[in-house]
Protein backbone atom coordinates (compact mmCIF):
# COMPACT_ATOMS: atom_id res chain seq x y z
CA MET A 1 5.68 15.08 -35.34
CA PRO A 2 2.36 15.29 -33.61
CA ASP A 3 1.13 13.48 -36.12
CA SER A 4 3.53 10.84 -35.98
CA ALA A 5 3.17 10.33 -32.36
CA ASP A 6 -0.75 10.22 -32.38
CA LYS A 7 -0.39 6.97 -35.44
CA HIS A 8 2.22 5.49 -33.46
CA LEU A 9 0.12 5.76 -30.16
CA HIS A 10 -3.10 4.10 -31.90
CA SER A 11 -1.09 1.97 -32.86
CA ASN A 12 0.43 0.56 -29.61
CA THR A 13 -3.04 0.85 -28.12
CA GLN A 14 -4.47 -1.54 -31.39
CA GLN A 15 -1.47 -3.77 -30.36
CA SER A 16 -1.81 -3.82 -27.18
CA SER A 17 -6.13 -4.83 -27.47
CA MET A 18 -5.37 -7.34 -29.78
CA THR A 19 -2.11 -8.99 -27.32
CA PHE A 20 -5.41 -8.39 -24.69
CA ARG A 21 -7.84 -9.83 -26.50
CA HIS A 22 -5.50 -13.29 -28.07
CA LYS A 23 -3.90 -13.71 -24.45
CA TYR A 24 -7.57 -13.90 -22.82
CA GLN A 25 -9.77 -15.23 -25.76
CA PHE A 26 -9.95 -18.98 -24.38
CA TRP A 27 -11.38 -18.22 -21.41
CA LEU A 28 -13.65 -15.41 -23.02
CA MET A 29 -14.59 -18.29 -25.02
CA LEU A 30 -15.41 -20.98 -22.04
CA PHE A 31 -17.15 -18.09 -20.17
CA ALA A 32 -19.30 -17.13 -23.61
CA ALA A 33 -19.97 -21.79 -23.17
CA LEU A 34 -21.15 -21.49 -19.66
CA ILE A 35 -23.36 -18.57 -20.05
CA ILE A 36 -24.78 -20.77 -24.09
CA LEU A 37 -25.65 -23.28 -21.93
CA GLN A 38 -27.70 -21.77 -18.92
CA LEU A 39 -30.06 -20.09 -21.64
CA PRO A 40 -33.71 -22.02 -22.16
CA PHE A 41 -33.80 -23.19 -25.56
CA VAL A 42 -30.70 -22.07 -26.90
CA SER A 43 -28.19 -24.40 -25.06
CA ILE A 44 -30.58 -27.50 -26.35
CA PRO A 45 -28.82 -28.55 -29.42
CA PHE A 46 -25.55 -28.07 -27.88
CA LYS A 47 -27.11 -30.42 -25.21
CA TRP A 48 -27.88 -32.66 -27.87
CA LEU A 49 -24.22 -32.31 -29.42
CA GLU A 50 -22.78 -33.49 -26.05
CA SER A 51 -25.16 -36.33 -26.19
CA TYR A 52 -24.26 -37.24 -29.81
CA PHE A 53 -20.67 -37.41 -29.27
CA HIS A 54 -20.89 -39.21 -26.11
CA GLU A 55 -23.09 -41.91 -28.00
CA ILE A 56 -21.11 -42.47 -30.90
CA SER A 57 -18.17 -42.45 -28.38
CA HIS A 58 -19.65 -45.49 -27.41
CA GLY A 59 -19.91 -47.18 -30.75
CA LEU A 60 -16.75 -46.25 -31.83
CA ALA A 61 -15.42 -48.01 -28.79
CA ALA A 62 -17.16 -51.31 -29.75
CA LEU A 63 -15.88 -50.95 -33.64
CA LEU A 64 -12.37 -50.76 -32.38
CA THR A 65 -12.48 -53.30 -30.17
CA GLY A 66 -14.37 -56.04 -32.49
CA GLY A 67 -17.53 -55.22 -31.91
CA SER A 68 -20.44 -53.82 -34.16
CA ILE A 69 -23.07 -50.72 -33.18
CA LEU A 70 -26.91 -52.11 -33.54
CA GLN A 71 -28.59 -48.18 -32.99
CA ILE A 72 -27.80 -44.66 -31.19
CA GLN A 73 -30.91 -43.30 -30.13
CA LEU A 74 -31.17 -39.88 -28.55
CA PHE A 75 -33.22 -37.81 -26.18
CA PRO A 76 -34.68 -34.44 -25.97
CA ASN A 77 -33.69 -34.60 -22.83
CA GLY A 78 -30.09 -34.48 -23.47
CA ALA A 79 -30.12 -37.98 -22.42
CA GLY A 80 -28.93 -40.59 -25.12
CA LEU A 81 -28.14 -44.85 -25.49
CA CYS A 82 -25.73 -46.57 -28.05
CA THR A 83 -26.61 -50.35 -28.04
CA THR A 84 -23.68 -52.29 -29.03
CA ARG A 85 -23.24 -56.09 -29.98
CA GLY A 86 -19.30 -57.69 -28.87
CA GLY A 87 -16.18 -55.86 -28.25
CA SER A 88 -14.71 -54.65 -24.51
CA SER A 89 -17.26 -54.12 -22.38
CA PHE A 90 -14.59 -51.90 -20.58
CA VAL A 91 -13.55 -49.72 -23.09
CA ILE A 92 -17.12 -49.65 -24.40
CA SER A 93 -18.29 -47.95 -20.99
CA LEU A 94 -15.44 -45.73 -20.15
CA MET A 95 -15.15 -43.94 -23.24
CA GLY A 96 -18.87 -42.40 -23.73
CA TYR A 97 -17.81 -39.39 -21.31
CA GLY A 98 -14.31 -40.07 -22.17
CA GLY A 99 -14.63 -39.84 -25.63
CA ALA A 100 -17.13 -37.04 -25.30
CA ILE A 101 -14.39 -34.97 -23.54
CA LEU A 102 -11.87 -35.89 -26.01
CA TRP A 103 -14.22 -34.69 -28.57
CA GLY A 104 -14.15 -31.45 -27.87
CA CYS A 105 -10.94 -31.18 -27.02
CA LEU A 106 -10.59 -32.37 -31.10
CA ILE A 107 -13.26 -30.10 -31.74
CA TYR A 108 -11.49 -27.12 -30.22
CA SER A 109 -7.68 -27.56 -31.51
CA LEU A 110 -8.32 -28.38 -35.08
CA ALA A 111 -10.55 -25.66 -35.41
CA SER A 112 -7.96 -23.26 -33.30
CA VAL A 113 -5.30 -24.01 -36.61
CA ASN A 114 -6.82 -22.53 -39.41
CA ARG A 115 -9.47 -21.57 -41.47
CA ARG A 116 -9.18 -24.39 -44.03
CA ILE A 117 -8.71 -26.91 -41.23
CA ALA A 118 -11.90 -25.75 -39.63
CA GLN A 119 -13.80 -26.10 -42.64
CA ALA A 120 -12.28 -29.70 -43.67
CA PHE A 121 -13.83 -30.73 -40.08
CA SER A 122 -16.69 -28.93 -40.22
CA MET A 123 -17.79 -31.12 -43.39
CA LEU A 124 -16.21 -34.12 -41.90
CA LEU A 125 -18.77 -33.65 -38.84
CA VAL A 126 -21.20 -33.40 -41.51
CA ALA A 127 -20.19 -36.70 -43.66
CA LEU A 128 -20.32 -38.24 -39.72
CA PHE A 129 -24.06 -37.31 -39.16
CA VAL A 130 -24.94 -38.24 -42.55
CA PHE A 131 -23.18 -42.16 -41.80
CA SER A 132 -24.87 -42.35 -38.54
CA ILE A 133 -28.31 -41.50 -39.75
CA LEU A 134 -27.89 -44.59 -42.80
CA LEU A 135 -26.44 -46.94 -40.83
CA TRP A 136 -27.72 -46.27 -36.93
CA VAL A 137 -30.81 -44.01 -36.55
CA ARG A 138 -33.55 -46.41 -36.49
CA ASP A 139 -36.26 -44.21 -34.73
CA LEU A 140 -37.91 -40.69 -35.83
CA LEU A 141 -36.55 -38.84 -32.56
CA THR A 142 -33.17 -39.72 -33.02
CA LEU A 143 -33.27 -39.03 -36.55
CA PHE A 144 -34.95 -35.29 -35.91
CA ILE A 145 -32.76 -34.47 -33.73
CA VAL A 146 -29.43 -35.70 -35.63
CA LEU A 147 -31.41 -33.64 -38.20
CA VAL A 148 -31.09 -30.78 -36.10
CA LEU A 149 -27.23 -31.13 -35.18
CA LEU A 150 -26.73 -31.59 -39.07
CA ALA A 151 -28.45 -28.62 -39.47
CA LEU A 152 -26.35 -26.70 -37.25
CA VAL A 153 -23.07 -27.69 -38.57
CA ILE A 154 -24.00 -26.53 -42.15
CA ALA A 155 -25.44 -23.67 -41.05
CA GLN A 156 -22.54 -22.80 -39.17
CA LEU A 157 -20.39 -23.28 -42.90
CA LYS A 158 -22.96 -21.24 -45.08
CA TYR A 159 -23.98 -18.72 -43.08
CA SER A 160 -20.57 -17.88 -41.41
CA SER A 161 -17.43 -16.34 -43.01
CA GLN A 162 -14.00 -18.26 -43.27
CA LYS A 163 -13.24 -15.08 -40.71
CA TYR A 164 -15.99 -16.62 -38.08
CA LEU A 165 -15.91 -20.02 -39.02
CA GLN A 166 -13.22 -20.84 -36.20
CA ASN A 167 -13.93 -18.89 -33.00
CA LEU A 168 -17.98 -20.76 -33.84
CA LEU A 169 -16.15 -23.78 -33.99
CA GLN A 170 -14.21 -23.03 -30.92
CA ILE A 171 -16.97 -22.08 -29.14
CA THR A 172 -19.34 -25.14 -29.97
CA GLY A 173 -16.17 -27.55 -28.54
CA LEU A 174 -15.36 -25.85 -25.65
CA LEU A 175 -19.94 -25.89 -25.17
CA VAL A 176 -19.06 -30.10 -25.66
CA LEU A 177 -16.35 -29.78 -23.48
CA VAL A 178 -18.06 -28.40 -20.82
CA ASN A 179 -21.53 -30.58 -21.13
CA SER A 180 -19.11 -33.38 -21.06
CA LEU A 181 -17.19 -31.92 -17.38
CA MET A 182 -21.06 -31.39 -16.25
CA SER A 183 -22.78 -34.85 -17.19
CA PRO A 184 -20.95 -37.42 -14.87
CA LEU A 185 -22.31 -35.61 -11.82
CA TYR A 186 -26.03 -36.26 -13.09
CA LEU A 187 -24.31 -40.48 -12.43
CA LEU A 188 -24.49 -39.19 -8.34
CA ASP A 189 -28.13 -39.99 -7.99
CA GLY A 190 -28.02 -43.27 -5.64
CA GLN A 191 -29.99 -44.88 -8.85
CA SER A 192 -26.74 -46.98 -9.45
CA ARG A 193 -27.46 -46.35 -13.51
CA GLY A 194 -25.12 -45.82 -16.71
CA ASP A 195 -21.87 -46.03 -17.40
CA GLY A 196 -20.02 -45.21 -13.88
CA ALA A 197 -22.48 -48.37 -12.45
CA ALA A 198 -21.25 -51.07 -15.54
CA LEU A 199 -17.51 -50.04 -14.93
CA ALA A 200 -18.51 -50.75 -11.07
CA ASN A 201 -19.95 -54.05 -11.46
CA LEU A 202 -17.03 -55.21 -14.58
CA THR A 203 -14.09 -53.72 -11.98
CA TYR A 204 -15.56 -53.67 -8.85
CA ILE A 205 -14.22 -49.93 -8.63
CA PRO A 206 -16.92 -47.34 -6.78
CA GLU A 207 -18.80 -45.89 -9.30
CA ILE A 208 -17.58 -42.36 -8.05
CA VAL A 209 -14.12 -43.04 -8.44
CA TRP A 210 -15.29 -43.23 -12.15
CA VAL A 211 -16.61 -40.18 -11.86
CA VAL A 212 -14.00 -38.21 -9.92
CA LEU A 213 -11.65 -39.87 -12.76
CA TRP A 214 -13.89 -38.35 -15.59
CA LEU A 215 -14.60 -35.34 -14.19
CA SER A 216 -10.58 -34.92 -13.39
CA ALA A 217 -9.89 -35.80 -17.39
CA GLY A 218 -12.45 -32.92 -18.66
CA LEU A 219 -11.00 -30.12 -15.97
CA PHE A 220 -7.21 -31.95 -16.87
CA ALA A 221 -8.16 -31.07 -20.76
CA THR A 222 -9.75 -27.70 -20.20
CA TYR A 223 -6.17 -26.64 -18.53
CA ARG A 224 -3.74 -28.04 -21.22
CA LEU A 225 -6.45 -26.41 -24.10
CA SER A 226 -5.79 -22.94 -21.87
CA LYS A 227 -2.38 -23.40 -21.82
CA LYS A 228 -1.66 -24.17 -25.39
CA SER A 229 -4.23 -21.21 -26.62
CA PHE A 230 -2.06 -18.79 -24.44
CA THR A 231 1.43 -20.38 -26.04
CA ARG A 232 -0.04 -20.10 -29.44
CA SER A 233 -0.91 -16.61 -28.77
CA ARG A 234 2.49 -15.05 -27.58
């Protein structure tokens, strides 16, 4: 009887520990993402990653509205530039920060489904980076940065077990999402440059309104992901 009681107690303790971990997994990962973004050097590739998704979102918006991508440029400080021709200027300008938020949510959500989906999505990212290099990268600096991002995803695929690939991709998605939350705040520098200023010129709606819109969208996306994670864990 004592042995049976001990085993039952041990089982309950393990179950309680797993329930706690699953219940708060999203917030623990979000906290980890915030810490990573404060680390010198370690945070740099993830800032580049958010910048890439920002610029590719401009480009995809151009393609979807009848335009074309001429060139994608990325810079060491996390800035970037996507040169397009044609398409809807409004949608292209809106979807830089908006697209980065969507990419962050997409990466986290797909990685949360199962290991096979996480693996397939990682391979899709590899294909997207290669495609970008072949079609839209024109300078050595951008080539180097995209190759670093490509190596980052390949390393996740190759050196992490399938068990941990999901968690790594989930944190990556949150890193992109957190970066996309903070990035619009840099527009409030009084210089009237960037996507917010472009939208203000197109719509006559002040730049601060667009910054608040992107920030609100990012916070709402974070809230929805946290609720979805909690619901799935119950």
